[in-house]
Amino acid sequence: MQEIFTYGNGVMIGELIQAVAALVATDDYLKLVRLVFVITTAVVAIQIIWSGRFTATGRLFAIILMMNAAILTTTDVQITDRVNSANDSVVADVPVGLAGPLAIFTAIGDWATQAFETTFSMPNDLRYTTTACCSPPAWSMLRPSMS
Protein backbone atom coordinates (compact mmCIF):
# COMPACT_ATOMS: atom_id res chain seq x y z
CA MET A 1 0.00 0.00 0.00
CA GLN A 2 1.29 3.42 -1.01
CA GLU A 3 0.58 6.57 1.03
CA ILE A 4 -0.11 9.94 -0.56
CA PHE A 5 0.01 13.12 1.53
CA THR A 6 -2.08 16.19 0.77
CA TYR A 7 -2.95 19.45 2.48
CA GLY A 8 -6.64 20.24 2.29
CA ASN A 9 -7.70 18.59 -0.98
CA GLY A 10 -7.90 14.91 -0.07
CA VAL A 11 -11.40 14.49 -1.52
CA MET A 12 -10.43 15.88 -4.92
CA ILE A 13 -7.25 13.77 -5.18
CA GLY A 14 -9.15 10.69 -4.00
CA GLU A 15 -11.81 11.15 -6.68
CA LEU A 16 -9.19 11.76 -9.37
CA ILE A 17 -7.23 8.63 -8.46
CA GLN A 18 -10.48 6.65 -8.25
CA ALA A 19 -11.37 7.80 -11.78
CA VAL A 20 -7.98 6.71 -13.13
CA ALA A 21 -8.30 3.34 -11.38
CA ALA A 22 -11.78 2.84 -12.83
CA LEU A 23 -10.62 3.77 -16.34
CA VAL A 24 -7.64 1.41 -16.30
CA ALA A 25 -9.71 -1.49 -14.96
CA THR A 26 -12.19 -1.56 -17.87
CA ASP A 27 -12.11 -4.29 -20.50
CA ASP A 28 -12.00 -1.71 -23.29
CA TYR A 29 -8.77 -0.26 -21.93
CA LEU A 30 -7.15 -3.70 -21.71
CA LYS A 31 -8.21 -4.41 -25.30
CA LEU A 32 -6.65 -1.10 -26.35
CA VAL A 33 -3.37 -2.01 -24.62
CA ARG A 34 -3.33 -5.38 -26.40
CA LEU A 35 -4.09 -3.75 -29.75
CA VAL A 36 -1.24 -1.25 -29.31
CA PHE A 37 1.11 -4.11 -28.44
CA VAL A 38 0.11 -6.08 -31.54
CA ILE A 39 0.47 -3.04 -33.83
CA THR A 40 3.86 -2.21 -32.32
CA THR A 41 5.02 -5.78 -32.82
CA ALA A 42 3.91 -5.67 -36.46
CA VAL A 43 5.67 -2.34 -37.07
CA VAL A 44 8.88 -3.64 -35.50
CA ALA A 45 8.70 -6.84 -37.57
CA ILE A 46 8.28 -4.79 -40.74
CA GLN A 47 11.21 -2.59 -39.72
CA ILE A 48 13.42 -5.63 -39.16
CA ILE A 49 12.41 -7.16 -42.50
CA TRP A 50 12.82 -3.88 -44.39
CA SER A 51 16.19 -2.83 -42.95
CA GLY A 52 17.63 -6.24 -42.16
CA ARG A 53 18.88 -4.96 -38.79
CA PHE A 54 17.80 -5.49 -35.22
CA THR A 55 18.85 -2.05 -33.89
CA ALA A 56 16.65 -0.24 -31.37
CA THR A 57 14.02 -2.94 -31.27
CA GLY A 58 15.19 -4.32 -27.93
CA ARG A 59 14.82 -0.93 -26.30
CA LEU A 60 11.37 -0.54 -27.81
CA PHE A 61 10.18 -3.86 -26.40
CA ALA A 62 11.71 -3.00 -23.01
CA ILE A 63 9.81 0.28 -22.96
CA ILE A 64 6.56 -1.46 -23.93
CA LEU A 65 7.00 -4.06 -21.19
CA MET A 66 7.82 -1.43 -18.56
CA MET A 67 4.81 0.68 -19.54
CA ASN A 68 2.51 -2.35 -19.40
CA ALA A 69 3.92 -3.32 -16.01
CA ALA A 70 3.42 0.22 -14.71
CA ILE A 71 -0.17 0.44 -15.95
CA LEU A 72 -1.45 -3.10 -15.48
CA THR A 73 0.10 -3.76 -12.05
CA THR A 74 -2.07 -2.26 -9.32
CA THR A 75 -1.80 -1.39 -5.65
CA ASP A 76 -3.91 0.23 -2.94
CA VAL A 77 -3.37 3.90 -2.08
CA GLN A 78 -3.93 5.55 1.30
CA ILE A 79 -4.66 9.28 0.91
CA THR A 80 -3.73 11.23 4.04
CA ASP A 81 -5.07 14.77 4.31
CA ARG A 82 -2.97 16.69 6.85
CA VAL A 83 -5.48 19.55 7.22
CA ASN A 84 -8.76 17.65 7.53
CA SER A 85 -8.48 14.02 8.56
CA ALA A 86 -12.13 13.44 7.60
CA ASN A 87 -10.95 13.58 3.98
CA ASP A 88 -8.63 10.57 4.37
CA SER A 89 -9.51 7.67 2.09
CA VAL A 90 -8.26 4.44 0.57
CA VAL A 91 -8.43 3.79 -3.18
CA ALA A 92 -8.01 0.24 -4.46
CA ASP A 93 -6.47 -0.96 -7.74
CA VAL A 94 -4.46 2.14 -8.65
CA PRO A 95 -1.76 1.57 -11.31
CA VAL A 96 1.73 1.36 -9.82
CA GLY A 97 3.01 3.76 -12.48
CA LEU A 98 0.79 6.46 -10.95
CA ALA A 99 0.86 5.47 -7.27
CA GLY A 100 4.62 4.96 -6.93
CA PRO A 101 5.92 8.32 -8.16
CA LEU A 102 3.01 10.16 -6.52
CA ALA A 103 3.77 8.54 -3.15
CA ILE A 104 7.48 9.37 -3.43
CA PHE A 105 6.97 13.01 -4.43
CA THR A 106 4.25 13.70 -1.84
CA ALA A 107 6.38 12.10 0.90
CA ILE A 108 9.28 14.38 -0.04
CA GLY A 109 6.95 17.40 -0.10
CA ASP A 110 5.42 16.44 3.24
CA TRP A 111 8.85 16.09 4.82
CA ALA A 112 10.00 19.43 3.38
CA THR A 113 6.85 21.20 4.59
CA GLN A 114 7.21 19.85 8.11
CA ALA A 115 10.95 20.63 8.19
CA PHE A 116 10.40 24.23 7.04
CA GLU A 117 7.60 24.77 9.54
CA THR A 118 9.76 23.38 12.31
CA THR A 119 12.71 25.58 11.33
CA PHE A 120 10.78 28.75 10.48
CA SER A 121 8.08 28.63 13.13
CA MET A 122 4.88 30.59 12.55
CA PRO A 123 1.68 31.00 14.58
CA ASN A 124 -0.61 27.99 14.35
CA ASP A 125 -3.24 29.94 12.36
CA LEU A 126 -0.70 30.57 9.58
CA ARG A 127 0.90 27.12 9.38
CA TYR A 128 0.51 25.39 6.04
CA THR A 129 0.05 21.98 7.66
CA THR A 130 -2.97 23.15 9.66
CA THR A 131 -4.71 25.59 7.30
CA ALA A 132 -3.43 24.72 3.77
CA CYS A 133 -2.40 27.35 1.27
CA CYS A 134 -5.41 29.54 0.63
CA SER A 135 -7.93 28.62 3.28
CA PRO A 136 -10.00 31.33 5.02
CA PRO A 137 -8.14 31.34 8.37
CA ALA A 138 -4.86 32.18 6.64
CA TRP A 139 -6.45 34.88 4.45
CA SER A 140 -8.30 36.48 7.34
CA MET A 141 -5.02 36.93 9.21
CA LEU A 142 -3.22 38.48 6.25
CA ARG A 143 -5.74 40.94 4.76
CA PRO A 144 -6.17 44.39 6.24
CA SER A 145 -9.42 45.14 7.99
CA MET A 146 -12.05 47.00 5.98
CA SER A 147 -13.22 49.29 8.80
C-alpha atoms as a PDB file:
ATOM      1  CA  MET A   1       0.000   0.000   0.000  1.00  0.00           C
ATOM      2  CA  GLN A   2       1.288   3.423  -1.013  1.00  0.00           C
ATOM      3  CA  GLU A   3       0.578   6.568   1.031  1.00  0.00           C
ATOM      4  CA  ILE A   4      -0.114   9.945  -0.564  1.00  0.00           C
ATOM      5  CA  PHE A   5       0.006  13.116   1.529  1.00  0.00           C
ATOM      6  CA  THR A   6      -2.076  16.190   0.773  1.00  0.00           C
ATOM      7  CA  TYR A   7      -2.947  19.449   2.480  1.00  0.00           C
ATOM      8  CA  GLY A   8      -6.642  20.241   2.287  1.00  0.00           C
ATOM      9  CA  ASN A   9      -7.696  18.591  -0.981  1.00  0.00           C
ATOM     10  CA  GLY A  10      -7.898  14.906  -0.075  1.00  0.00           C
ATOM     11  CA  VAL A  11     -11.401  14.490  -1.522  1.00  0.00           C
ATOM     12  CA  MET A  12     -10.428  15.884  -4.922  1.00  0.00           C
ATOM     13  CA  ILE A  13      -7.253  13.773  -5.175  1.00  0.00           C
ATOM     14  CA  GLY A  14      -9.153  10.694  -4.002  1.00  0.00           C
ATOM     15  CA  GLU A  15     -11.807  11.149  -6.677  1.00  0.00           C
ATOM     16  CA  LEU A  16      -9.190  11.764  -9.368  1.00  0.00           C
ATOM     17  CA  ILE A  17      -7.235   8.631  -8.461  1.00  0.00           C
ATOM     18  CA  GLN A  18     -10.483   6.651  -8.250  1.00  0.00           C
ATOM     19  CA  ALA A  19     -11.366   7.796 -11.781  1.00  0.00           C
ATOM     20  CA  VAL A  20      -7.975   6.706 -13.133  1.00  0.00           C
ATOM     21  CA  ALA A  21      -8.297   3.335 -11.383  1.00  0.00           C
ATOM     22  CA  ALA A  22     -11.780   2.835 -12.831  1.00  0.00           C
ATOM     23  CA  LEU A  23     -10.619   3.773 -16.339  1.00  0.00           C
ATOM     24  CA  VAL A  24      -7.636   1.414 -16.295  1.00  0.00           C
ATOM     25  CA  ALA A  25      -9.715  -1.489 -14.964  1.00  0.00           C
ATOM     26  CA  THR A  26     -12.186  -1.561 -17.866  1.00  0.00           C
ATOM     27  CA  ASP A  27     -12.105  -4.290 -20.501  1.00  0.00           C
ATOM     28  CA  ASP A  28     -11.999  -1.711 -23.294  1.00  0.00           C
ATOM     29  CA  TYR A  29      -8.768  -0.261 -21.929  1.00  0.00           C
ATOM     30  CA  LEU A  30      -7.149  -3.698 -21.706  1.00  0.00           C
ATOM     31  CA  LYS A  31      -8.208  -4.413 -25.297  1.00  0.00           C
ATOM     32  CA  LEU A  32      -6.647  -1.101 -26.354  1.00  0.00           C
ATOM     33  CA  VAL A  33      -3.375  -2.011 -24.625  1.00  0.00           C
ATOM     34  CA  ARG A  34      -3.329  -5.385 -26.396  1.00  0.00           C
ATOM     35  CA  LEU A  35      -4.093  -3.747 -29.746  1.00  0.00           C
ATOM     36  CA  VAL A  36      -1.239  -1.251 -29.313  1.00  0.00           C
ATOM     37  CA  PHE A  37       1.113  -4.110 -28.441  1.00  0.00           C
ATOM     38  CA  VAL A  38       0.106  -6.077 -31.544  1.00  0.00           C
ATOM     39  CA  ILE A  39       0.468  -3.040 -33.827  1.00  0.00           C
ATOM     40  CA  THR A  40       3.860  -2.213 -32.319  1.00  0.00           C
ATOM     41  CA  THR A  41       5.022  -5.778 -32.816  1.00  0.00           C
ATOM     42  CA  ALA A  42       3.914  -5.671 -36.457  1.00  0.00           C
ATOM     43  CA  VAL A  43       5.673  -2.345 -37.073  1.00  0.00           C
ATOM     44  CA  VAL A  44       8.879  -3.639 -35.495  1.00  0.00           C
ATOM     45  CA  ALA A  45       8.695  -6.840 -37.569  1.00  0.00           C
ATOM     46  CA  ILE A  46       8.283  -4.789 -40.743  1.00  0.00           C
ATOM     47  CA  GLN A  47      11.213  -2.589 -39.719  1.00  0.00           C
ATOM     48  CA  ILE A  48      13.419  -5.631 -39.159  1.00  0.00           C
ATOM     49  CA  ILE A  49      12.409  -7.156 -42.496  1.00  0.00           C
ATOM     50  CA  TRP A  50      12.821  -3.879 -44.385  1.00  0.00           C
ATOM     51  CA  SER A  51      16.186  -2.827 -42.951  1.00  0.00           C
ATOM     52  CA  GLY A  52      17.634  -6.239 -42.163  1.00  0.00           C
ATOM     53  CA  ARG A  53      18.877  -4.958 -38.791  1.00  0.00           C
ATOM     54  CA  PHE A  54      17.801  -5.487 -35.219  1.00  0.00           C
ATOM     55  CA  THR A  55      18.848  -2.054 -33.890  1.00  0.00           C
ATOM     56  CA  ALA A  56      16.652  -0.245 -31.373  1.00  0.00           C
ATOM     57  CA  THR A  57      14.016  -2.939 -31.267  1.00  0.00           C
ATOM     58  CA  GLY A  58      15.192  -4.325 -27.930  1.00  0.00           C
ATOM     59  CA  ARG A  59      14.818  -0.927 -26.296  1.00  0.00           C
ATOM     60  CA  LEU A  60      11.365  -0.541 -27.805  1.00  0.00           C
ATOM     61  CA  PHE A  61      10.182  -3.864 -26.396  1.00  0.00           C
ATOM     62  CA  ALA A  62      11.710  -3.002 -23.013  1.00  0.00           C
ATOM     63  CA  ILE A  63       9.807   0.285 -22.963  1.00  0.00           C
ATOM     64  CA  ILE A  64       6.564  -1.464 -23.928  1.00  0.00           C
ATOM     65  CA  LEU A  65       7.000  -4.064 -21.188  1.00  0.00           C
ATOM     66  CA  MET A  66       7.818  -1.428 -18.558  1.00  0.00           C
ATOM     67  CA  MET A  67       4.809   0.678 -19.538  1.00  0.00           C
ATOM     68  CA  ASN A  68       2.513  -2.352 -19.398  1.00  0.00           C
ATOM     69  CA  ALA A  69       3.923  -3.323 -16.006  1.00  0.00           C
ATOM     70  CA  ALA A  70       3.420   0.223 -14.713  1.00  0.00           C
ATOM     71  CA  ILE A  71      -0.166   0.441 -15.951  1.00  0.00           C
ATOM     72  CA  LEU A  72      -1.447  -3.101 -15.481  1.00  0.00           C
ATOM     73  CA  THR A  73       0.104  -3.759 -12.047  1.00  0.00           C
ATOM     74  CA  THR A  74      -2.075  -2.258  -9.325  1.00  0.00           C
ATOM     75  CA  THR A  75      -1.796  -1.389  -5.648  1.00  0.00           C
ATOM     76  CA  ASP A  76      -3.909   0.233  -2.944  1.00  0.00           C
ATOM     77  CA  VAL A  77      -3.373   3.898  -2.083  1.00  0.00           C
ATOM     78  CA  GLN A  78      -3.929   5.546   1.301  1.00  0.00           C
ATOM     79  CA  ILE A  79      -4.655   9.275   0.908  1.00  0.00           C
ATOM     80  CA  THR A  80      -3.731  11.232   4.042  1.00  0.00           C
ATOM     81  CA  ASP A  81      -5.074  14.773   4.313  1.00  0.00           C
ATOM     82  CA  ARG A  82      -2.968  16.693   6.851  1.00  0.00           C
ATOM     83  CA  VAL A  83      -5.479  19.550   7.225  1.00  0.00           C
ATOM     84  CA  ASN A  84      -8.765  17.650   7.526  1.00  0.00           C
ATOM     85  CA  SER A  85      -8.475  14.016   8.564  1.00  0.00           C
ATOM     86  CA  ALA A  86     -12.131  13.444   7.604  1.00  0.00           C
ATOM     87  CA  ASN A  87     -10.952  13.582   3.975  1.00  0.00           C
ATOM     88  CA  ASP A  88      -8.628  10.570   4.366  1.00  0.00           C
ATOM     89  CA  SER A  89      -9.512   7.668   2.092  1.00  0.00           C
ATOM     90  CA  VAL A  90      -8.259   4.438   0.568  1.00  0.00           C
ATOM     91  CA  VAL A  91      -8.427   3.788  -3.181  1.00  0.00           C
ATOM     92  CA  ALA A  92      -8.005   0.239  -4.462  1.00  0.00           C
ATOM     93  CA  ASP A  93      -6.470  -0.957  -7.743  1.00  0.00           C
ATOM     94  CA  VAL A  94      -4.457   2.138  -8.651  1.00  0.00           C
ATOM     95  CA  PRO A  95      -1.764   1.571 -11.308  1.00  0.00           C
ATOM     96  CA  VAL A  96       1.728   1.363  -9.821  1.00  0.00           C
ATOM     97  CA  GLY A  97       3.008   3.759 -12.481  1.00  0.00           C
ATOM     98  CA  LEU A  98       0.791   6.456 -10.953  1.00  0.00           C
ATOM     99  CA  ALA A  99       0.856   5.471  -7.274  1.00  0.00           C
ATOM    100  CA  GLY A 100       4.625   4.959  -6.927  1.00  0.00           C
ATOM    101  CA  PRO A 101       5.916   8.324  -8.157  1.00  0.00           C
ATOM    102  CA  LEU A 102       3.007  10.156  -6.517  1.00  0.00           C
ATOM    103  CA  ALA A 103       3.771   8.540  -3.152  1.00  0.00           C
ATOM    104  CA  ILE A 104       7.477   9.370  -3.426  1.00  0.00           C
ATOM    105  CA  PHE A 105       6.967  13.013  -4.429  1.00  0.00           C
ATOM    106  CA  THR A 106       4.253  13.695  -1.841  1.00  0.00           C
ATOM    107  CA  ALA A 107       6.378  12.100   0.900  1.00  0.00           C
ATOM    108  CA  ILE A 108       9.279  14.382  -0.035  1.00  0.00           C
ATOM    109  CA  GLY A 109       6.952  17.405  -0.103  1.00  0.00           C
ATOM    110  CA  ASP A 110       5.420  16.436   3.240  1.00  0.00           C
ATOM    111  CA  TRP A 111       8.850  16.085   4.822  1.00  0.00           C
ATOM    112  CA  ALA A 112       9.998  19.429   3.379  1.00  0.00           C
ATOM    113  CA  THR A 113       6.847  21.198   4.593  1.00  0.00           C
ATOM    114  CA  GLN A 114       7.214  19.853   8.109  1.00  0.00           C
ATOM    115  CA  ALA A 115      10.946  20.626   8.186  1.00  0.00           C
ATOM    116  CA  PHE A 116      10.399  24.227   7.042  1.00  0.00           C
ATOM    117  CA  GLU A 117       7.599  24.769   9.538  1.00  0.00           C
ATOM    118  CA  THR A 118       9.764  23.383  12.313  1.00  0.00           C
ATOM    119  CA  THR A 119      12.705  25.575  11.330  1.00  0.00           C
ATOM    120  CA  PHE A 120      10.777  28.755  10.475  1.00  0.00           C
ATOM    121  CA  SER A 121       8.084  28.632  13.132  1.00  0.00           C
ATOM    122  CA  MET A 122       4.876  30.588  12.553  1.00  0.00           C
ATOM    123  CA  PRO A 123       1.683  30.997  14.584  1.00  0.00           C
ATOM    124  CA  ASN A 124      -0.606  27.989  14.347  1.00  0.00           C
ATOM    125  CA  ASP A 125      -3.235  29.936  12.363  1.00  0.00           C
ATOM    126  CA  LEU A 126      -0.705  30.570   9.582  1.00  0.00           C
ATOM    127  CA  ARG A 127       0.895  27.119   9.383  1.00  0.00           C
ATOM    128  CA  TYR A 128       0.506  25.393   6.043  1.00  0.00           C
ATOM    129  CA  THR A 129       0.049  21.980   7.658  1.00  0.00           C
ATOM    130  CA  THR A 130      -2.966  23.146   9.659  1.00  0.00           C
ATOM    131  CA  THR A 131      -4.711  25.590   7.298  1.00  0.00           C
ATOM    132  CA  ALA A 132      -3.429  24.723   3.772  1.00  0.00           C
ATOM    133  CA  CYS A 133      -2.400  27.349   1.274  1.00  0.00           C
ATOM    134  CA  CYS A 134      -5.412  29.539   0.630  1.00  0.00           C
ATOM    135  CA  SER A 135      -7.927  28.617   3.285  1.00  0.00           C
ATOM    136  CA  PRO A 136     -10.004  31.331   5.016  1.00  0.00           C
ATOM    137  CA  PRO A 137      -8.136  31.336   8.369  1.00  0.00           C
ATOM    138  CA  ALA A 138      -4.858  32.184   6.644  1.00  0.00           C
ATOM    139  CA  TRP A 139      -6.445  34.882   4.452  1.00  0.00           C
ATOM    140  CA  SER A 140      -8.300  36.484   7.336  1.00  0.00           C
ATOM    141  CA  MET A 141      -5.021  36.929   9.212  1.00  0.00           C
ATOM    142  CA  LEU A 142      -3.220  38.476   6.248  1.00  0.00           C
ATOM    143  CA  ARG A 143      -5.739  40.936   4.763  1.00  0.00           C
ATOM    144  CA  PRO A 144      -6.167  44.393   6.244  1.00  0.00           C
ATOM    145  CA  SER A 145      -9.424  45.142   7.986  1.00  0.00           C
ATOM    146  CA  MET A 146     -12.053  46.998   5.984  1.00  0.00           C
ATOM    147  CA  SER A 147     -13.218  49.293   8.801  1.00  0.00           C
END
